[in-house]
PDB file of N, CA and C in Angstrom:
ATOM      1  N   MET A   1     103.946 151.489 -16.752  1.00  0.00           N
ATOM      2  CA  MET A   1     103.760 152.508 -15.766  1.00  0.00           C
ATOM      3  C   MET A   1     104.595 153.710 -16.177  1.00  0.00           C
ATOM      4  N   PRO A   2     104.035 154.563 -16.987  1.00  0.00           N
ATOM      5  CA  PRO A   2     104.826 155.623 -17.606  1.00  0.00           C
ATOM      6  C   PRO A   2     105.309 156.716 -16.670  1.00  0.00           C
ATOM      7  N   TYR A   3     104.704 156.882 -15.508  1.00  0.00           N
ATOM      8  CA  TYR A   3     105.060 158.009 -14.653  1.00  0.00           C
ATOM      9  C   TYR A   3     105.776 157.607 -13.370  1.00  0.00           C
ATOM     10  N   VAL A   4     106.074 156.337 -13.194  1.00  0.00           N
ATOM     11  CA  VAL A   4     106.715 155.888 -11.974  1.00  0.00           C
ATOM     12  C   VAL A   4     108.218 155.859 -12.180  1.00  0.00           C
ATOM     13  N   SER A   5     108.937 156.431 -11.252  1.00  0.00           N
ATOM     14  CA  SER A   5     110.391 156.433 -11.291  1.00  0.00           C
ATOM     15  C   SER A   5     110.905 155.536 -10.179  1.00  0.00           C
ATOM     16  N   PHE A   6     111.810 154.640 -10.526  1.00  0.00           N
ATOM     17  CA  PHE A   6     112.400 153.758  -9.531  1.00  0.00           C
ATOM     18  C   PHE A   6     113.769 154.277  -9.092  1.00  0.00           C
ATOM     19  N   GLU A   7     114.013 155.540  -9.350  1.00  0.00           N
ATOM     20  CA  GLU A   7     115.237 156.180  -8.902  1.00  0.00           C
ATOM     21  C   GLU A   7     114.873 157.164  -7.798  1.00  0.00           C
ATOM     22  N   GLY A   8     115.850 157.549  -7.021  1.00  0.00           N
ATOM     23  CA  GLY A   8     115.594 158.527  -5.968  1.00  0.00           C
ATOM     24  C   GLY A   8     115.676 157.890  -4.607  1.00  0.00           C
ATOM     25  N   GLU A   9     114.974 158.488  -3.671  1.00  0.00           N
ATOM     26  CA  GLU A   9     115.015 158.019  -2.290  1.00  0.00           C
ATOM     27  C   GLU A   9     114.241 156.717  -2.123  1.00  0.00           C
ATOM     28  N   GLU A  10     114.448 156.091  -0.983  1.00  0.00           N
ATOM     29  CA  GLU A  10     113.824 154.791  -0.696  1.00  0.00           C
ATOM     30  C   GLU A  10     112.299 154.868  -0.756  1.00  0.00           C
ATOM     31  N   TRP A  11     111.703 155.919  -0.194  1.00  0.00           N
ATOM     32  CA  TRP A  11     110.246 156.025  -0.182  1.00  0.00           C
ATOM     33  C   TRP A  11     109.689 156.181  -1.590  1.00  0.00           C
ATOM     34  N   GLN A  12     110.448 156.806  -2.512  1.00  0.00           N
ATOM     35  CA  GLN A  12     109.989 156.956  -3.888  1.00  0.00           C
ATOM     36  C   GLN A  12     109.987 155.610  -4.607  1.00  0.00           C
ATOM     37  N   ARG A  13     111.010 154.808  -4.372  1.00  0.00           N
ATOM     38  CA  ARG A  13     111.045 153.466  -4.978  1.00  0.00           C
ATOM     39  C   ARG A  13     109.927 152.600  -4.402  1.00  0.00           C
ATOM     40  N   THR A  14     109.711 152.700  -3.095  1.00  0.00           N
ATOM     41  CA  THR A  14     108.644 151.934  -2.457  1.00  0.00           C
ATOM     42  C   THR A  14     107.286 152.334  -3.025  1.00  0.00           C
ATOM     43  N   LEU A  15     107.066 153.631  -3.181  1.00  0.00           N
ATOM     44  CA  LEU A  15     105.811 154.111  -3.747  1.00  0.00           C
ATOM     45  C   LEU A  15     105.623 153.584  -5.176  1.00  0.00           C
ATOM     46  N   GLY A  16     106.697 153.537  -5.950  1.00  0.00           N
ATOM     47  CA  GLY A  16     106.613 153.005  -7.308  1.00  0.00           C
ATOM     48  C   GLY A  16     106.175 151.557  -7.319  1.00  0.00           C
ATOM     49  N   PHE A  17     106.730 150.750  -6.427  1.00  0.00           N
ATOM     50  CA  PHE A  17     106.334 149.339  -6.358  1.00  0.00           C
ATOM     51  C   PHE A  17     104.906 149.178  -5.849  1.00  0.00           C
ATOM     52  N   VAL A  18     104.513 150.013  -4.887  1.00  0.00           N
ATOM     53  CA  VAL A  18     103.148 149.947  -4.367  1.00  0.00           C
ATOM     54  C   VAL A  18     102.149 150.303  -5.466  1.00  0.00           C
ATOM     55  N   LEU A  19     102.423 151.357  -6.229  1.00  0.00           N
ATOM     56  CA  LEU A  19     101.516 151.742  -7.314  1.00  0.00           C
ATOM     57  C   LEU A  19     101.401 150.645  -8.363  1.00  0.00           C
ATOM     58  N   GLY A  20     102.509 150.037  -8.702  1.00  0.00           N
ATOM     59  CA  GLY A  20     102.483 148.928  -9.649  1.00  0.00           C
ATOM     60  C   GLY A  20     101.681 147.757  -9.119  1.00  0.00           C
ATOM     61  N   GLY A  21     101.877 147.441  -7.833  1.00  0.00           N
ATOM     62  CA  GLY A  21     101.133 146.348  -7.218  1.00  0.00           C
ATOM     63  C   GLY A  21      99.640 146.614  -7.166  1.00  0.00           C
ATOM     64  N   VAL A  22      99.275 147.842  -6.827  1.00  0.00           N
ATOM     65  CA  VAL A  22      97.849 148.210  -6.778  1.00  0.00           C
ATOM     66  C   VAL A  22      97.220 148.091  -8.170  1.00  0.00           C
ATOM     67  N   PHE A  23      97.939 148.541  -9.191  1.00  0.00           N
ATOM     68  CA  PHE A  23      97.417 148.457 -10.552  1.00  0.00           C
ATOM     69  C   PHE A  23      97.162 147.003 -10.945  1.00  0.00           C
ATOM     70  N   TRP A  24      98.186 146.153 -10.800  1.00  0.00           N
ATOM     71  CA  TRP A  24      98.053 144.766 -11.237  1.00  0.00           C
ATOM     72  C   TRP A  24      97.078 143.993 -10.367  1.00  0.00           C
ATOM     73  N   LEU A  25      97.065 144.254  -9.071  1.00  0.00           N
ATOM     74  CA  LEU A  25      96.118 143.583  -8.189  1.00  0.00           C
ATOM     75  C   LEU A  25      94.682 143.956  -8.557  1.00  0.00           C
ATOM     76  N   GLY A  26      94.445 145.223  -8.821  1.00  0.00           N
ATOM     77  CA  GLY A  26      93.101 145.648  -9.227  1.00  0.00           C
ATOM     78  C   GLY A  26      92.668 145.021 -10.542  1.00  0.00           C
ATOM     79  N   LEU A  27      93.583 144.952 -11.491  1.00  0.00           N
ATOM     80  CA  LEU A  27      93.259 144.347 -12.787  1.00  0.00           C
ATOM     81  C   LEU A  27      92.957 142.861 -12.644  1.00  0.00           C
ATOM     82  N   ILE A  28      93.796 142.145 -11.901  1.00  0.00           N
ATOM     83  CA  ILE A  28      93.609 140.702 -11.729  1.00  0.00           C
ATOM     84  C   ILE A  28      92.345 140.413 -10.934  1.00  0.00           C
ATOM     85  N   MET A  29      92.090 141.173  -9.868  1.00  0.00           N
ATOM     86  CA  MET A  29      90.881 140.957  -9.068  1.00  0.00           C
ATOM     87  C   MET A  29      89.617 141.231  -9.887  1.00  0.00           C
ATOM     88  N   GLY A  30      89.651 142.259 -10.720  1.00  0.00           N
ATOM     89  CA  GLY A  30      88.507 142.547 -11.573  1.00  0.00           C
ATOM     90  C   GLY A  30      88.195 141.393 -12.522  1.00  0.00           C
ATOM     91  N   LEU A  31      89.236 140.808 -13.072  1.00  0.00           N
ATOM     92  CA  LEU A  31      89.036 139.663 -13.967  1.00  0.00           C
ATOM     93  C   LEU A  31      88.545 138.438 -13.208  1.00  0.00           C
ATOM     94  N   LEU A  32      89.126 138.184 -12.042  1.00  0.00           N
ATOM     95  CA  LEU A  32      88.711 137.016 -11.257  1.00  0.00           C
ATOM     96  C   LEU A  32      87.270 137.124 -10.777  1.00  0.00           C
ATOM     97  N   LEU A  33      86.815 138.336 -10.475  1.00  0.00           N
ATOM     98  CA  LEU A  33      85.435 138.512 -10.032  1.00  0.00           C
ATOM     99  C   LEU A  33      84.434 138.325 -11.165  1.00  0.00           C
ATOM    100  N   GLN A  34      84.885 138.442 -12.395  1.00  0.00           N
ATOM    101  CA  GLN A  34      84.005 138.231 -13.537  1.00  0.00           C
ATOM    102  C   GLN A  34      83.788 136.746 -13.851  1.00  0.00           C
ATOM    103  N   LEU A  35      84.709 135.892 -13.426  1.00  0.00           N
ATOM    104  CA  LEU A  35      84.628 134.469 -13.768  1.00  0.00           C
ATOM    105  C   LEU A  35      83.360 133.777 -13.263  1.00  0.00           C
ATOM    106  N   PRO A  36      82.951 133.935 -11.998  1.00  0.00           N
ATOM    107  CA  PRO A  36      81.716 133.256 -11.570  1.00  0.00           C
ATOM    108  C   PRO A  36      80.476 133.750 -12.321  1.00  0.00           C
ATOM    109  N   ILE A  37      80.441 135.021 -12.641  1.00  0.00           N
ATOM    110  CA  ILE A  37      79.296 135.560 -13.379  1.00  0.00           C
ATOM    111  C   ILE A  37      79.270 134.967 -14.784  1.00  0.00           C
ATOM    112  N   SER A  38      80.425 134.894 -15.424  1.00  0.00           N
ATOM    113  CA  SER A  38      80.499 134.319 -16.771  1.00  0.00           C
ATOM    114  C   SER A  38      80.069 132.862 -16.768  1.00  0.00           C
ATOM    115  N   LYS A  39      80.510 132.127 -15.765  1.00  0.00           N
ATOM    116  CA  LYS A  39      80.159 130.703 -15.679  1.00  0.00           C
ATOM    117  C   LYS A  39      78.647 130.530 -15.536  1.00  0.00           C
ATOM    118  N   LYS A  40      78.042 131.340 -14.670  1.00  0.00           N
ATOM    119  CA  LYS A  40      76.585 131.245 -14.469  1.00  0.00           C
ATOM    120  C   LYS A  40      75.834 131.662 -15.729  1.00  0.00           C
ATOM    121  N   ARG A  41      76.294 132.714 -16.391  1.00  0.00           N
ATOM    122  CA  ARG A  41      75.640 133.184 -17.615  1.00  0.00           C
ATOM    123  C   ARG A  41      75.705 132.120 -18.705  1.00  0.00           C
ATOM    124  N   LYS A  42      76.846 131.483 -18.849  1.00  0.00           N
ATOM    125  CA  LYS A  42      77.008 130.457 -19.883  1.00  0.00           C
ATOM    126  C   LYS A  42      76.176 129.220 -19.579  1.00  0.00           C
ATOM    127  N   ALA A  43      75.955 128.929 -18.301  1.00  0.00           N
ATOM    128  CA  ALA A  43      75.149 127.768 -17.922  1.00  0.00           C
ATOM    129  C   ALA A  43      73.659 128.015 -18.122  1.00  0.00           C
ATOM    130  N   ASP A  44      73.235 129.255 -18.169  1.00  0.00           N
ATOM    131  CA  ASP A  44      71.826 129.604 -18.348  1.00  0.00           C
ATOM    132  C   ASP A  44      71.468 129.472 -19.828  1.00  0.00           C
ATOM    133  N   LYS A  45      70.803 128.398 -20.173  1.00  0.00           N
ATOM    134  CA  LYS A  45      70.471 128.113 -21.587  1.00  0.00           C
ATOM    135  C   LYS A  45      69.393 129.047 -22.127  1.00  0.00           C
ATOM    136  N   LYS A  46      68.587 129.648 -21.234  1.00  0.00           N
ATOM    137  CA  LYS A  46      67.519 130.536 -21.687  1.00  0.00           C
ATOM    138  C   LYS A  46      68.028 131.922 -22.067  1.00  0.00           C
ATOM    139  N   TYR A  47      69.220 132.262 -21.623  1.00  0.00           N
ATOM    140  CA  TYR A  47      69.725 133.618 -21.840  1.00  0.00           C
ATOM    141  C   TYR A  47      70.607 133.681 -23.080  1.00  0.00           C
ATOM    142  N   THR A  48      70.274 134.603 -23.971  1.00  0.00           N
ATOM    143  CA  THR A  48      71.125 134.885 -25.137  1.00  0.00           C
ATOM    144  C   THR A  48      71.186 136.397 -25.307  1.00  0.00           C
ATOM    145  N   ALA A  49      72.369 136.899 -25.518  1.00  0.00           N
ATOM    146  CA  ALA A  49      72.538 138.342 -25.741  1.00  0.00           C
ATOM    147  C   ALA A  49      73.775 138.560 -26.575  1.00  0.00           C
ATOM    148  N   LYS A  50      73.676 139.559 -27.406  1.00  0.00           N
ATOM    149  CA  LYS A  50      74.828 139.933 -28.196  1.00  0.00           C
ATOM    150  C   LYS A  50      75.611 141.002 -27.449  1.00  0.00           C
ATOM    151  N   CYS A  51      76.901 140.964 -27.621  1.00  0.00           N
ATOM    152  CA  CYS A  51      77.771 141.954 -26.997  1.00  0.00           C
ATOM    153  C   CYS A  51      77.836 143.168 -27.929  1.00  0.00           C
ATOM    154  N   SER A  52      77.592 144.352 -27.377  1.00  0.00           N
ATOM    155  CA  SER A  52      77.662 145.548 -28.199  1.00  0.00           C
ATOM    156  C   SER A  52      79.016 146.219 -28.004  1.00  0.00           C
ATOM    157  N   PHE A  53      79.406 147.041 -28.958  1.00  0.00           N
ATOM    158  CA  PHE A  53      80.730 147.662 -28.901  1.00  0.00           C
ATOM    159  C   PHE A  53      80.769 148.854 -27.960  1.00  0.00           C
ATOM    160  N   ALA A  54      79.815 149.733 -28.050  1.00  0.00           N
ATOM    161  CA  ALA A  54      79.868 150.941 -27.223  1.00  0.00           C
ATOM    162  C   ALA A  54      78.491 151.588 -27.115  1.00  0.00           C
ATOM    163  N   PHE A  55      78.363 152.453 -26.108  1.00  0.00           N
ATOM    164  CA  PHE A  55      77.168 153.281 -25.913  1.00  0.00           C
ATOM    165  C   PHE A  55      75.878 152.457 -25.852  1.00  0.00           C
ATOM    166  N   SER A  56      75.927 151.297 -25.165  1.00  0.00           N
ATOM    167  CA  SER A  56      74.778 150.406 -25.171  1.00  0.00           C
ATOM    168  C   SER A  56      73.782 150.670 -24.040  1.00  0.00           C
ATOM    169  N   ASN A  57      74.171 151.428 -23.018  1.00  0.00           N
ATOM    170  CA  ASN A  57      73.270 151.761 -21.914  1.00  0.00           C
ATOM    171  C   ASN A  57      73.786 153.043 -21.252  1.00  0.00           C
ATOM    172  N   ARG A  58      73.055 153.539 -20.268  1.00  0.00           N
ATOM    173  CA  ARG A  58      73.398 154.834 -19.676  1.00  0.00           C
ATOM    174  C   ARG A  58      74.797 154.868 -19.045  1.00  0.00           C
ATOM    175  N   PRO A  59      75.192 153.895 -18.194  1.00  0.00           N
ATOM    176  CA  PRO A  59      76.557 153.961 -17.657  1.00  0.00           C
ATOM    177  C   PRO A  59      77.614 153.820 -18.752  1.00  0.00           C
ATOM    178  N   ALA A  60      77.325 153.023 -19.759  1.00  0.00           N
ATOM    179  CA  ALA A  60      78.279 152.830 -20.858  1.00  0.00           C
ATOM    180  C   ALA A  60      78.480 154.124 -21.632  1.00  0.00           C
ATOM    181  N   VAL A  61      77.438 154.895 -21.813  1.00  0.00           N
ATOM    182  CA  VAL A  61      77.558 156.172 -22.530  1.00  0.00           C
ATOM    183  C   VAL A  61      78.524 157.096 -21.787  1.00  0.00           C
ATOM    184  N   PHE A  62      78.376 157.186 -20.474  1.00  0.00           N
ATOM    185  CA  PHE A  62      79.250 158.057 -19.690  1.00  0.00           C
ATOM    186  C   PHE A  62      80.707 157.601 -19.789  1.00  0.00           C
ATOM    187  N   PHE A  63      80.956 156.323 -19.546  1.00  0.00           N
ATOM    188  CA  PHE A  63      82.338 155.841 -19.527  1.00  0.00           C
ATOM    189  C   PHE A  63      82.956 155.765 -20.915  1.00  0.00           C
ATOM    190  N   ASP A  64      82.164 155.549 -21.942  1.00  0.00           N
ATOM    191  CA  ASP A  64      82.699 155.568 -23.302  1.00  0.00           C
ATOM    192  C   ASP A  64      83.090 156.988 -23.710  1.00  0.00           C
ATOM    193  N   ALA A  65      82.288 157.967 -23.306  1.00  0.00           N
ATOM    194  CA  ALA A  65      82.658 159.364 -23.578  1.00  0.00           C
ATOM    195  C   ALA A  65      83.917 159.744 -22.805  1.00  0.00           C
ATOM    196  N   LEU A  66      84.020 159.298 -21.561  1.00  0.00           N
ATOM    197  CA  LEU A  66      85.222 159.549 -20.763  1.00  0.00           C
ATOM    198  C   LEU A  66      86.435 158.873 -21.398  1.00  0.00           C
ATOM    199  N   LEU A  67      86.255 157.701 -21.938  1.00  0.00           N
ATOM    200  CA  LEU A  67      87.341 156.979 -22.617  1.00  0.00           C
ATOM    201  C   LEU A  67      87.862 157.772 -23.809  1.00  0.00           C
ATOM    202  N   ILE A  68      86.966 158.286 -24.607  1.00  0.00           N
ATOM    203  CA  ILE A  68      87.365 159.067 -25.786  1.00  0.00           C
ATOM    204  C   ILE A  68      88.076 160.352 -25.365  1.00  0.00           C
ATOM    205  N   ALA A  69      87.519 161.043 -24.378  1.00  0.00           N
ATOM    206  CA  ALA A  69      88.119 162.304 -23.929  1.00  0.00           C
ATOM    207  C   ALA A  69      89.491 162.082 -23.300  1.00  0.00           C
ATOM    208  N   SER A  70      89.611 161.095 -22.435  1.00  0.00           N
ATOM    209  CA  SER A  70      90.897 160.861 -21.779  1.00  0.00           C
ATOM    210  C   SER A  70      91.935 160.331 -22.755  1.00  0.00           C
ATOM    211  N   ALA A  71      91.523 159.570 -23.760  1.00  0.00           N
ATOM    212  CA  ALA A  71      92.477 159.123 -24.781  1.00  0.00           C
ATOM    213  C   ALA A  71      93.003 160.314 -25.579  1.00  0.00           C
ATOM    214  N   ALA A  72      92.123 161.260 -25.882  1.00  0.00           N
ATOM    215  CA  ALA A  72      92.558 162.457 -26.615  1.00  0.00           C
ATOM    216  C   ALA A  72      93.528 163.288 -25.772  1.00  0.00           C
ATOM    217  N   ILE A  73      93.205 163.481 -24.498  1.00  0.00           N
ATOM    218  CA  ILE A  73      94.085 164.265 -23.632  1.00  0.00           C
ATOM    219  C   ILE A  73      95.416 163.559 -23.418  1.00  0.00           C
ATOM    220  N   ALA A  74      95.386 162.240 -23.223  1.00  0.00           N
ATOM    221  CA  ALA A  74      96.631 161.487 -23.040  1.00  0.00           C
ATOM    222  C   ALA A  74      97.483 161.548 -24.304  1.00  0.00           C
ATOM    223  N   GLY A  75      96.850 161.489 -25.470  1.00  0.00           N
ATOM    224  CA  GLY A  75      97.594 161.611 -26.727  1.00  0.00           C
ATOM    225  C   GLY A  75      98.243 162.973 -26.878  1.00  0.00           C
ATOM    226  N   ILE A  76      97.510 164.002 -26.530  1.00  0.00           N
ATOM    227  CA  ILE A  76      98.068 165.362 -26.595  1.00  0.00           C
ATOM    228  C   ILE A  76      99.204 165.510 -25.585  1.00  0.00           C
ATOM    229  N   ALA A  77      99.038 164.941 -24.382  1.00  0.00           N
ATOM    230  CA  ALA A  77     100.094 165.017 -23.367  1.00  0.00           C
ATOM    231  C   ALA A  77     101.347 164.276 -23.817  1.00  0.00           C
ATOM    232  N   PHE A  78     101.183 163.216 -24.578  1.00  0.00           N
ATOM    233  CA  PHE A  78     102.330 162.470 -25.087  1.00  0.00           C
ATOM    234  C   PHE A  78     103.099 163.294 -26.115  1.00  0.00           C
ATOM    235  N   ILE A  79     102.367 164.040 -26.929  1.00  0.00           N
ATOM    236  CA  ILE A  79     102.994 164.862 -27.972  1.00  0.00           C
ATOM    237  C   ILE A  79     103.582 166.142 -27.388  1.00  0.00           C
ATOM    238  N   MET A  80     102.881 166.746 -26.430  1.00  0.00           N
ATOM    239  CA  MET A  80     103.313 168.023 -25.837  1.00  0.00           C
ATOM    240  C   MET A  80     103.831 167.797 -24.418  1.00  0.00           C
ATOM    241  N   PRO A  81     105.132 167.651 -24.220  1.00  0.00           N
ATOM    242  CA  PRO A  81     105.647 167.405 -22.871  1.00  0.00           C
ATOM    243  C   PRO A  81     105.502 168.600 -21.927  1.00  0.00           C
ATOM    244  N   SER A  82     105.140 169.761 -22.447  1.00  0.00           N
ATOM    245  CA  SER A  82     104.984 170.937 -21.591  1.00  0.00           C
ATOM    246  C   SER A  82     103.637 170.955 -20.863  1.00  0.00           C
ATOM    247  N   MET A  83     102.770 169.972 -21.118  1.00  0.00           N
ATOM    248  CA  MET A  83     101.467 169.903 -20.453  1.00  0.00           C
ATOM    249  C   MET A  83     101.685 169.627 -18.957  1.00  0.00           C
ATOM    250  N   PRO A  84     100.879 170.213 -18.080  1.00  0.00           N
ATOM    251  CA  PRO A  84     101.047 169.980 -16.640  1.00  0.00           C
ATOM    252  C   PRO A  84     100.999 168.484 -16.306  1.00  0.00           C
ATOM    253  N   GLN A  85     101.893 168.079 -15.428  1.00  0.00           N
ATOM    254  CA  GLN A  85     102.025 166.662 -15.103  1.00  0.00           C
ATOM    255  C   GLN A  85     100.763 166.115 -14.439  1.00  0.00           C
ATOM    256  N   LEU A  86     100.106 166.903 -13.627  1.00  0.00           N
ATOM    257  CA  LEU A  86      98.885 166.461 -12.973  1.00  0.00           C
ATOM    258  C   LEU A  86      97.789 166.151 -13.993  1.00  0.00           C
ATOM    259  N   LEU A  87      97.699 166.943 -15.042  1.00  0.00           N
ATOM    260  CA  LEU A  87      96.735 166.684 -16.106  1.00  0.00           C
ATOM    261  C   LEU A  87      97.077 165.395 -16.839  1.00  0.00           C
ATOM    262  N   SER A  88      98.359 165.154 -17.065  1.00  0.00           N
ATOM    263  CA  SER A  88      98.793 163.913 -17.707  1.00  0.00           C
ATOM    264  C   SER A  88      98.442 162.705 -16.842  1.00  0.00           C
ATOM    265  N   PHE A  89      98.688 162.810 -15.524  1.00  0.00           N
ATOM    266  CA  PHE A  89      98.334 161.726 -14.605  1.00  0.00           C
ATOM    267  C   PHE A  89      96.841 161.441 -14.651  1.00  0.00           C
ATOM    268  N   GLY A  90      96.063 162.510 -14.605  1.00  0.00           N
ATOM    269  CA  GLY A  90      94.607 162.364 -14.649  1.00  0.00           C
ATOM    270  C   GLY A  90      94.131 161.729 -15.942  1.00  0.00           C
ATOM    271  N   ALA A  91      94.768 162.096 -17.046  1.00  0.00           N
ATOM    272  CA  ALA A  91      94.377 161.527 -18.338  1.00  0.00           C
ATOM    273  C   ALA A  91      94.689 160.041 -18.401  1.00  0.00           C
ATOM    274  N   VAL A  92      95.843 159.640 -17.895  1.00  0.00           N
ATOM    275  CA  VAL A  92      96.204 158.214 -17.907  1.00  0.00           C
ATOM    276  C   VAL A  92      95.279 157.434 -16.975  1.00  0.00           C
ATOM    277  N   PHE A  93      95.001 157.983 -15.784  1.00  0.00           N
ATOM    278  CA  PHE A  93      94.073 157.329 -14.871  1.00  0.00           C
ATOM    279  C   PHE A  93      92.687 157.199 -15.522  1.00  0.00           C
ATOM    280  N   GLY A  94      92.198 158.292 -16.110  1.00  0.00           N
ATOM    281  CA  GLY A  94      90.892 158.257 -16.766  1.00  0.00           C
ATOM    282  C   GLY A  94      90.854 157.268 -17.909  1.00  0.00           C
ATOM    283  N   LEU A  95      91.948 157.163 -18.638  1.00  0.00           N
ATOM    284  CA  LEU A  95      92.021 156.228 -19.762  1.00  0.00           C
ATOM    285  C   LEU A  95      91.931 154.784 -19.281  1.00  0.00           C
ATOM    286  N   VAL A  96      92.726 154.420 -18.296  1.00  0.00           N
ATOM    287  CA  VAL A  96      92.728 153.036 -17.800  1.00  0.00           C
ATOM    288  C   VAL A  96      91.397 152.702 -17.128  1.00  0.00           C
ATOM    289  N   PHE A  97      90.914 153.597 -16.271  1.00  0.00           N
ATOM    290  CA  PHE A  97      89.668 153.344 -15.551  1.00  0.00           C
ATOM    291  C   PHE A  97      88.480 153.259 -16.510  1.00  0.00           C
ATOM    292  N   SER A  98      88.384 154.195 -17.443  1.00  0.00           N
ATOM    293  CA  SER A  98      87.236 154.175 -18.356  1.00  0.00           C
ATOM    294  C   SER A  98      87.312 153.003 -19.327  1.00  0.00           C
ATOM    295  N   LEU A  99      88.503 152.529 -19.650  1.00  0.00           N
ATOM    296  CA  LEU A  99      88.625 151.337 -20.499  1.00  0.00           C
ATOM    297  C   LEU A  99      88.079 150.112 -19.764  1.00  0.00           C
ATOM    298  N   GLU A 100      88.422 149.984 -18.477  1.00  0.00           N
ATOM    299  CA  GLU A 100      87.884 148.871 -17.696  1.00  0.00           C
ATOM    300  C   GLU A 100      86.364 148.975 -17.563  1.00  0.00           C
ATOM    301  N   MET A 101      85.855 150.181 -17.341  1.00  0.00           N
ATOM    302  CA  MET A 101      84.407 150.369 -17.226  1.00  0.00           C
ATOM    303  C   MET A 101      83.705 150.140 -18.563  1.00  0.00           C
ATOM    304  N   HIS A 102      84.363 150.497 -19.669  1.00  0.00           N
ATOM    305  CA  HIS A 102      83.812 150.243 -21.002  1.00  0.00           C
ATOM    306  C   HIS A 102      83.591 148.751 -21.185  1.00  0.00           C
ATOM    307  N   VAL A 103      84.596 147.970 -20.841  1.00  0.00           N
ATOM    308  CA  VAL A 103      84.492 146.513 -20.991  1.00  0.00           C
ATOM    309  C   VAL A 103      83.398 145.964 -20.083  1.00  0.00           C
ATOM    310  N   LEU A 104      83.309 146.484 -18.882  1.00  0.00           N
ATOM    311  CA  LEU A 104      82.311 146.009 -17.931  1.00  0.00           C
ATOM    312  C   LEU A 104      80.888 146.328 -18.395  1.00  0.00           C
ATOM    313  N   PHE A 105      80.603 147.580 -18.711  1.00  0.00           N
ATOM    314  CA  PHE A 105      79.228 147.994 -18.995  1.00  0.00           C
ATOM    315  C   PHE A 105      78.747 147.652 -20.404  1.00  0.00           C
ATOM    316  N   ASN A 106      79.636 147.350 -21.325  1.00  0.00           N
ATOM    317  CA  ASN A 106      79.211 146.948 -22.660  1.00  0.00           C
ATOM    318  C   ASN A 106      79.249 145.432 -22.845  1.00  0.00           C
ATOM    319  N   GLY A 107      79.599 144.715 -21.791  1.00  0.00           N
ATOM    320  CA  GLY A 107      79.759 143.267 -21.890  1.00  0.00           C
ATOM    321  C   GLY A 107      78.486 142.486 -21.641  1.00  0.00           C
ATOM    322  N   ARG A 108      78.565 141.208 -21.913  1.00  0.00           N
ATOM    323  CA  ARG A 108      77.418 140.312 -21.734  1.00  0.00           C
ATOM    324  C   ARG A 108      77.075 140.099 -20.262  1.00  0.00           C
ATOM    325  N   ASN A 109      78.089 140.079 -19.404  1.00  0.00           N
ATOM    326  CA  ASN A 109      77.822 139.831 -17.986  1.00  0.00           C
ATOM    327  C   ASN A 109      76.969 140.937 -17.369  1.00  0.00           C
ATOM    328  N   TYR A 110      77.229 142.183 -17.721  1.00  0.00           N
ATOM    329  CA  TYR A 110      76.429 143.284 -17.198  1.00  0.00           C
ATOM    330  C   TYR A 110      74.980 143.155 -17.666  1.00  0.00           C
ATOM    331  N   LYS A 111      74.794 142.826 -18.930  1.00  0.00           N
ATOM    332  CA  LYS A 111      73.439 142.673 -19.458  1.00  0.00           C
ATOM    333  C   LYS A 111      72.721 141.507 -18.782  1.00  0.00           C
ATOM    334  N   TYR A 112      73.466 140.453 -18.502  1.00  0.00           N
ATOM    335  CA  TYR A 112      72.885 139.301 -17.812  1.00  0.00           C
ATOM    336  C   TYR A 112      72.446 139.670 -16.397  1.00  0.00           C
ATOM    337  N   LEU A 113      73.310 140.358 -15.671  1.00  0.00           N
ATOM    338  CA  LEU A 113      72.968 140.769 -14.304  1.00  0.00           C
ATOM    339  C   LEU A 113      71.812 141.766 -14.285  1.00  0.00           C
ATOM    340  N   LYS A 114      71.785 142.647 -15.254  1.00  0.00           N
ATOM    341  CA  LYS A 114      70.714 143.652 -15.352  1.00  0.00           C
ATOM    342  C   LYS A 114      69.365 142.960 -15.604  1.00  0.00           C
ATOM    343  N   LYS A 115      69.372 141.950 -16.465  1.00  0.00           N
ATOM    344  CA  LYS A 115      68.140 141.230 -16.779  1.00  0.00           C
ATOM    345  C   LYS A 115      67.693 140.368 -15.598  1.00  0.00           C
ATOM    346  N   ALA A 116      68.664 139.779 -14.901  1.00  0.00           N
ATOM    347  CA  ALA A 116      68.330 138.940 -13.751  1.00  0.00           C
ATOM    348  C   ALA A 116      67.797 139.773 -12.591  1.00  0.00           C
ATOM    349  N   GLY A 117      68.255 141.057 -12.537  1.00  0.00           N
ATOM    350  CA  GLY A 117      67.828 142.077 -11.628  1.00  0.00           C
ATOM    351  C   GLY A 117      67.486 141.666 -10.291  1.00  0.00           C
TER     352      GLY A 117
END
């Protein structure tokens, strides 16, 4: 959590812990929600699909482009500390969110659900 400070007033420390909790809870819940879909997909003997790396469908194209752009901005923000902090926050948020969406939309589970329609 590169932008959270655990120093300062009580509300700032509380906000830091809340942000950390929201991040980890969202990540863990996203993974747990994928488990039943994976189990059903693996049990379906008729379904076979290869996992593609990127740009495999319309939502994947959008989030993969966002991933590349936010990674570039976050890299520049890391090198140039004079960049506005709000832009840095947005770049880190875009990077984490688009990475999760990249995994979701380019994965086998999405293709399975799309085919099952």
